N, C-alpha and C. Protein backbone atom coordinates (compact mmCIF):
# COMPACT_ATOMS: atom_id res chain seq x y z
N UNK A 1 11.16 -6.24 10.63
CA UNK A 1 10.08 -5.83 9.72
C UNK A 1 10.56 -4.17 9.47
N UNK A 2 10.99 -3.39 10.18
CA UNK A 2 11.12 -2.04 10.43
C UNK A 2 12.10 -1.79 9.14
N UNK A 3 13.31 -2.61 9.41
CA UNK A 3 14.37 -2.19 8.69
C UNK A 3 13.93 -2.69 7.19
N UNK A 4 13.45 -3.77 6.82
CA UNK A 4 13.05 -4.32 5.70
C UNK A 4 12.15 -3.15 4.72
N UNK A 5 10.92 -2.68 5.58
CA UNK A 5 10.07 -1.57 5.08
C UNK A 5 11.19 -0.30 4.73
N UNK A 6 11.90 -0.02 5.53
CA UNK A 6 12.95 1.33 5.30
C UNK A 6 13.85 0.91 3.98
N UNK A 7 14.25 -0.43 3.79
CA UNK A 7 15.07 -0.66 2.83
C UNK A 7 14.15 -0.76 1.29
N UNK A 8 13.01 -1.08 1.72
CA UNK A 8 12.06 -1.18 0.38
C UNK A 8 11.71 0.24 0.05
N UNK A 9 11.35 1.24 1.12
CA UNK A 9 10.96 2.62 0.87
C UNK A 9 12.27 3.41 0.12
N UNK A 10 13.35 2.86 0.54
CA UNK A 10 14.41 3.61 0.20
C UNK A 10 14.95 3.44 -1.04
N UNK A 11 14.40 2.28 -1.75
CA UNK A 11 14.66 1.92 -2.95
C UNK A 11 13.50 2.29 -4.09
N UNK A 12 12.82 2.35 -3.55
CA UNK A 12 11.70 2.89 -4.58
C UNK A 12 11.43 4.35 -4.70
N UNK A 13 11.33 4.70 -6.10
CA UNK A 13 11.33 6.22 -6.46
C UNK A 13 10.26 6.90 -5.45
N UNK A 14 10.59 8.36 -5.17
CA UNK A 14 9.54 9.03 -4.54
C UNK A 14 8.43 9.43 -5.85
N UNK A 15 7.14 9.02 -5.36
CA UNK A 15 6.05 9.31 -6.02
C UNK A 15 5.68 10.85 -6.04
N UNK A 16 5.32 11.25 -7.26
CA UNK A 16 4.95 12.73 -7.57
C UNK A 16 3.70 12.66 -8.20
N UNK A 17 3.03 14.04 -8.17
CA UNK A 17 1.77 14.45 -8.94
C UNK A 17 0.71 14.42 -7.72
N UNK A 18 -0.60 14.33 -8.19
CA UNK A 18 -1.77 14.40 -7.30
C UNK A 18 -1.76 13.16 -6.70
N UNK A 19 -2.85 13.07 -5.86
CA UNK A 19 -2.98 11.90 -5.13
C UNK A 19 -3.51 10.74 -6.02
N UNK A 20 -4.24 10.74 -6.99
CA UNK A 20 -4.70 9.81 -7.72
C UNK A 20 -3.45 9.22 -8.56
N UNK A 21 -2.73 10.27 -9.15
CA UNK A 21 -1.43 9.64 -9.81
C UNK A 21 -0.29 8.96 -8.86
N UNK A 22 -0.34 9.41 -7.47
CA UNK A 22 0.48 8.61 -6.62
C UNK A 22 -0.21 7.48 -6.18
N UNK A 23 -1.21 7.31 -6.17
CA UNK A 23 -1.94 6.06 -5.54
C UNK A 23 -1.78 5.18 -6.74
N UNK A 24 -2.04 5.29 -8.06
CA UNK A 24 -1.74 4.53 -9.26
C UNK A 24 -0.36 4.17 -9.32
N UNK A 25 0.64 5.00 -9.03
CA UNK A 25 2.02 4.49 -9.02
C UNK A 25 2.44 3.70 -8.10
N UNK A 26 1.74 3.71 -6.71
CA UNK A 26 2.07 2.86 -5.53
C UNK A 26 1.64 1.58 -5.86
N UNK A 27 0.21 1.64 -6.59
CA UNK A 27 -0.18 0.10 -7.07
C UNK A 27 0.62 -0.42 -8.15
N UNK A 28 1.19 0.41 -9.23
CA UNK A 28 2.04 -0.21 -9.95
C UNK A 28 3.29 -0.82 -9.37
N UNK A 29 3.83 -0.22 -8.38
CA UNK A 29 4.90 -0.70 -7.71
C UNK A 29 4.72 -2.05 -6.86
N UNK A 30 3.63 -2.06 -6.23
CA UNK A 30 3.14 -3.49 -5.69
C UNK A 30 2.68 -4.65 -6.60
N UNK A 31 2.21 -4.18 -7.87
CA UNK A 31 2.39 -5.18 -9.04
C UNK A 31 3.84 -5.53 -9.35
N UNK A 32 4.65 -4.53 -9.38
CA UNK A 32 6.14 -5.04 -9.76
C UNK A 32 6.72 -5.99 -8.53
N UNK A 33 6.26 -5.92 -7.61
CA UNK A 33 6.76 -6.85 -6.23
C UNK A 33 5.89 -8.04 -6.35
N UNK A 34 4.99 -8.13 -7.10
CA UNK A 34 4.44 -9.43 -7.59
C UNK A 34 2.92 -9.41 -7.03
N UNK A 35 2.32 -8.62 -6.73
CA UNK A 35 0.82 -8.55 -6.34
C UNK A 35 0.04 -8.18 -7.20
N UNK A 36 -1.20 -8.82 -7.29
CA UNK A 36 -2.20 -8.48 -8.28
C UNK A 36 -3.27 -7.44 -7.51
N UNK A 37 -3.29 -6.45 -7.73
CA UNK A 37 -4.09 -5.25 -7.14
C UNK A 37 -4.92 -4.53 -8.11
N UNK A 38 -5.92 -3.95 -7.43
CA UNK A 38 -6.62 -2.86 -8.20
C UNK A 38 -7.04 -1.58 -7.27
N UNK A 39 -7.09 -0.59 -7.98
CA UNK A 39 -7.54 0.78 -7.09
C UNK A 39 -8.84 0.90 -7.17
N UNK A 40 -9.60 1.14 -6.14
CA UNK A 40 -10.78 1.82 -6.06
C UNK A 40 -11.02 3.04 -5.31
N UNK A 41 -11.90 4.09 -5.99
CA UNK A 41 -11.81 5.20 -5.52
C UNK A 41 -13.14 5.48 -4.69
N UNK A 42 -13.17 6.32 -3.40
CA UNK A 42 -14.22 6.56 -3.03
C UNK A 42 -14.36 8.11 -2.29
N UNK A 43 -14.94 9.00 -2.79
CA UNK A 43 -15.06 10.32 -1.99
C UNK A 43 -13.75 10.77 -1.58
N UNK A 44 -12.69 11.02 -2.30
CA UNK A 44 -11.53 11.68 -1.71
C UNK A 44 -10.59 10.71 -1.34
N UNK A 45 -10.87 9.44 -1.18
CA UNK A 45 -10.04 8.28 -0.37
C UNK A 45 -10.09 6.99 -1.53
N UNK A 46 -9.25 6.23 -1.44
CA UNK A 46 -8.84 5.00 -2.19
C UNK A 46 -8.47 3.92 -1.30
N UNK A 47 -8.84 2.79 -2.18
CA UNK A 47 -8.57 1.50 -1.50
C UNK A 47 -7.73 0.82 -2.70
N UNK A 48 -6.59 -0.06 -2.31
CA UNK A 48 -5.68 -0.68 -3.00
C UNK A 48 -6.04 -2.09 -2.54
N UNK A 49 -6.79 -2.81 -3.43
CA UNK A 49 -7.06 -4.23 -2.89
C UNK A 49 -6.56 -5.29 -3.68
N UNK A 50 -6.02 -6.20 -2.99
CA UNK A 50 -5.27 -7.27 -3.87
C UNK A 50 -6.17 -8.34 -3.82
N UNK A 51 -5.93 -9.26 -5.26
CA UNK A 51 -6.68 -10.55 -5.30
C UNK A 51 -5.41 -11.71 -4.73
N UNK A 52 -5.46 -11.95 -3.51
CA UNK A 52 -4.17 -12.85 -2.91
C UNK A 52 -3.49 -11.73 -2.10
N UNK A 53 -2.24 -12.28 -1.86
CA UNK A 53 -1.41 -11.46 -1.21
C UNK A 53 0.06 -11.96 -1.53
N UNK A 54 1.01 -10.99 -1.95
CA UNK A 54 2.23 -11.15 -2.26
C UNK A 54 3.21 -11.94 -1.07
N UNK A 55 2.46 -11.40 0.39
CA UNK A 55 3.33 -12.15 1.31
C UNK A 55 2.25 -13.18 2.20
N UNK A 56 1.60 -13.99 1.44
CA UNK A 56 0.58 -14.87 2.06
C UNK A 56 1.39 -15.88 2.98
N UNK A 57 2.59 -16.06 2.67
CA UNK A 57 3.05 -17.22 3.41
C UNK A 57 3.67 -16.55 5.10
N UNK A 58 3.99 -15.16 4.99
CA UNK A 58 4.31 -14.42 6.10
C UNK A 58 2.99 -13.84 6.96
N UNK A 59 1.83 -13.74 6.65
CA UNK A 59 0.95 -12.89 7.11
C UNK A 59 0.00 -13.78 8.20
N UNK A 60 -0.03 -15.12 7.80
CA UNK A 60 -0.98 -15.71 8.72
C UNK A 60 -0.44 -15.52 10.24
N UNK A 61 -1.49 -14.94 11.19
CA UNK A 61 -1.13 -14.51 12.47
C UNK A 61 -0.12 -13.66 12.65
N UNK A 62 0.11 -12.85 11.41
CA UNK A 62 1.47 -11.66 11.91
C UNK A 62 0.95 -10.23 11.03
N UNK A 63 -0.02 -9.86 11.65
CA UNK A 63 -0.45 -8.55 11.20
C UNK A 63 0.71 -7.32 10.99
N UNK A 64 1.77 -7.67 11.58
CA UNK A 64 3.04 -6.75 11.60
C UNK A 64 3.30 -6.74 10.19
N UNK A 65 3.50 -7.89 9.36
CA UNK A 65 3.93 -7.86 7.94
C UNK A 65 2.81 -6.75 7.00
N UNK A 66 1.55 -6.82 7.31
CA UNK A 66 0.68 -5.93 6.57
C UNK A 66 0.80 -4.46 7.21
N UNK A 67 1.43 -4.19 8.56
CA UNK A 67 1.45 -2.92 8.82
C UNK A 67 2.70 -2.37 8.38
N UNK A 68 3.82 -3.38 7.93
CA UNK A 68 5.04 -2.83 7.28
C UNK A 68 4.75 -2.35 5.92
N UNK A 69 3.91 -2.90 5.03
CA UNK A 69 3.40 -2.58 3.89
C UNK A 69 2.68 -1.30 3.99
N UNK A 70 1.83 -1.34 5.13
CA UNK A 70 1.06 0.12 5.48
C UNK A 70 1.75 1.18 5.44
N UNK A 71 3.00 1.07 6.33
CA UNK A 71 3.91 2.30 6.52
C UNK A 71 4.79 2.64 5.28
N UNK A 72 5.22 1.61 4.57
CA UNK A 72 5.71 1.92 3.59
C UNK A 72 4.99 2.70 2.32
N UNK A 73 3.72 2.29 2.31
CA UNK A 73 2.94 2.95 1.33
C UNK A 73 2.68 4.38 1.78
N UNK A 74 2.60 4.56 3.29
CA UNK A 74 2.14 5.98 3.75
C UNK A 74 3.49 6.59 3.34
N UNK A 75 4.64 6.41 3.59
CA UNK A 75 5.97 7.09 3.40
C UNK A 75 5.82 7.61 1.92
N UNK A 76 5.49 6.33 0.95
CA UNK A 76 5.60 6.74 -0.58
C UNK A 76 4.77 7.82 -1.03
N UNK A 77 3.48 7.65 -0.42
CA UNK A 77 2.38 8.39 -0.77
C UNK A 77 2.34 9.68 0.02
N UNK A 78 2.78 9.58 1.08
CA UNK A 78 2.97 10.96 1.91
C UNK A 78 1.46 11.49 2.40
N UNK A 79 0.68 10.30 2.62
CA UNK A 79 -0.68 10.48 3.19
C UNK A 79 -1.08 9.24 4.22
N UNK A 80 -2.05 9.41 5.12
CA UNK A 80 -2.33 8.46 6.04
C UNK A 80 -2.91 7.21 5.21
N UNK A 81 -2.28 5.98 5.56
CA UNK A 81 -2.63 4.63 5.05
C UNK A 81 -3.05 3.92 6.09
N UNK A 82 -4.20 3.14 5.92
CA UNK A 82 -4.47 1.91 6.98
C UNK A 82 -4.85 0.76 6.24
N UNK A 83 -4.04 -0.49 7.00
CA UNK A 83 -4.21 -1.67 6.27
C UNK A 83 -5.62 -2.07 6.68
N UNK A 84 -6.17 -2.89 5.67
CA UNK A 84 -7.58 -3.46 6.11
C UNK A 84 -7.35 -5.12 5.29
N UNK A 85 -6.18 -5.80 5.68
CA UNK A 85 -5.91 -6.98 4.99
C UNK A 85 -6.73 -8.15 5.55
N UNK A 86 -7.05 -9.09 4.61
CA UNK A 86 -7.56 -10.39 5.21
C UNK A 86 -6.63 -11.25 5.39
N UNK A 87 -6.41 -11.98 6.68
CA UNK A 87 -5.25 -12.72 7.01
C UNK A 87 -5.93 -14.30 7.42
N UNK A 88 -6.79 -14.60 6.74
CA UNK A 88 -7.63 -15.90 6.92
C UNK A 88 -6.92 -16.96 6.12
N UNK A 89 -7.63 -17.79 5.86
CA UNK A 89 -7.28 -18.90 5.02
C UNK A 89 -6.77 -18.45 3.65
N UNK A 90 -7.45 -17.53 3.09
CA UNK A 90 -6.97 -16.82 1.83
C UNK A 90 -6.72 -15.53 1.77
N UNK A 91 -5.39 -15.15 2.38
CA UNK A 91 -5.14 -13.94 2.52
C UNK A 91 -5.13 -12.90 1.15
N UNK A 92 -5.66 -11.73 1.83
CA UNK A 92 -5.71 -10.74 0.42
C UNK A 92 -5.38 -9.12 1.15
N UNK A 93 -4.56 -8.70 0.30
CA UNK A 93 -3.92 -7.26 0.77
C UNK A 93 -5.09 -6.47 0.44
N UNK A 94 -5.38 -5.23 1.58
CA UNK A 94 -6.19 -4.19 1.25
C UNK A 94 -5.55 -2.78 2.20
N UNK A 95 -5.47 -2.01 1.49
CA UNK A 95 -4.95 -0.74 2.06
C UNK A 95 -5.81 0.60 1.71
N UNK A 96 -6.39 1.11 2.89
CA UNK A 96 -7.30 2.51 2.60
C UNK A 96 -6.14 3.62 2.52
N UNK A 97 -6.25 4.48 1.60
CA UNK A 97 -5.64 5.76 1.55
C UNK A 97 -6.49 6.91 1.72
N UNK A 98 -6.01 7.77 2.73
CA UNK A 98 -6.93 8.89 3.06
C UNK A 98 -6.75 9.81 2.16
N UNK A 99 -7.60 10.53 1.42
CA UNK A 99 -7.26 11.65 0.53
C UNK A 99 -7.87 12.78 1.01
N UNK A 100 -8.54 12.89 2.10
CA UNK A 100 -8.79 14.26 2.66
C UNK A 100 -7.80 15.19 3.01
N UNK A 101 -7.65 16.60 2.58
CA UNK A 101 -6.74 17.18 2.84
C UNK A 101 -5.22 17.14 2.03
N UNK A 102 -5.38 16.32 0.85
CA UNK A 102 -4.11 16.23 0.20
C UNK A 102 -3.70 17.26 -0.70
N UNK A 103 -2.44 17.20 -1.07
CA UNK A 103 -1.94 18.38 -2.18
C UNK A 103 -1.04 17.48 -3.33
N UNK A 104 -0.65 18.34 -4.30
CA UNK A 104 0.33 17.60 -5.20
C UNK A 104 1.80 17.67 -4.74
N UNK A 105 2.16 16.57 -4.89
CA UNK A 105 3.70 16.40 -4.45
C UNK A 105 4.70 16.59 -5.76
N UNK A 106 5.43 17.69 -5.44
CA UNK A 106 6.41 18.09 -6.56
C UNK A 106 7.79 17.20 -6.47
């Protein structure tokens, strides 16, 4: 999983701008990978919430799959990210982005 995450992160462009711009760009990248997601904002933080899961076949009982995407997003966004995915009968992606103390990335 680590090598897959590193490979994906290496192939994706570095995200620039303030945190809202980077979160929207990360959301767009997830959608390019096949995810149907939206961004919600909450007091300096964000949630990228999926309507389904682009890795649904792999996540049943395998939280490390969600953690790999979590780490990839944290690397791209350059802020802490915590997965909050639902891995039950109907998996849904969910990632909390910590916006406290962020700066613009140039």
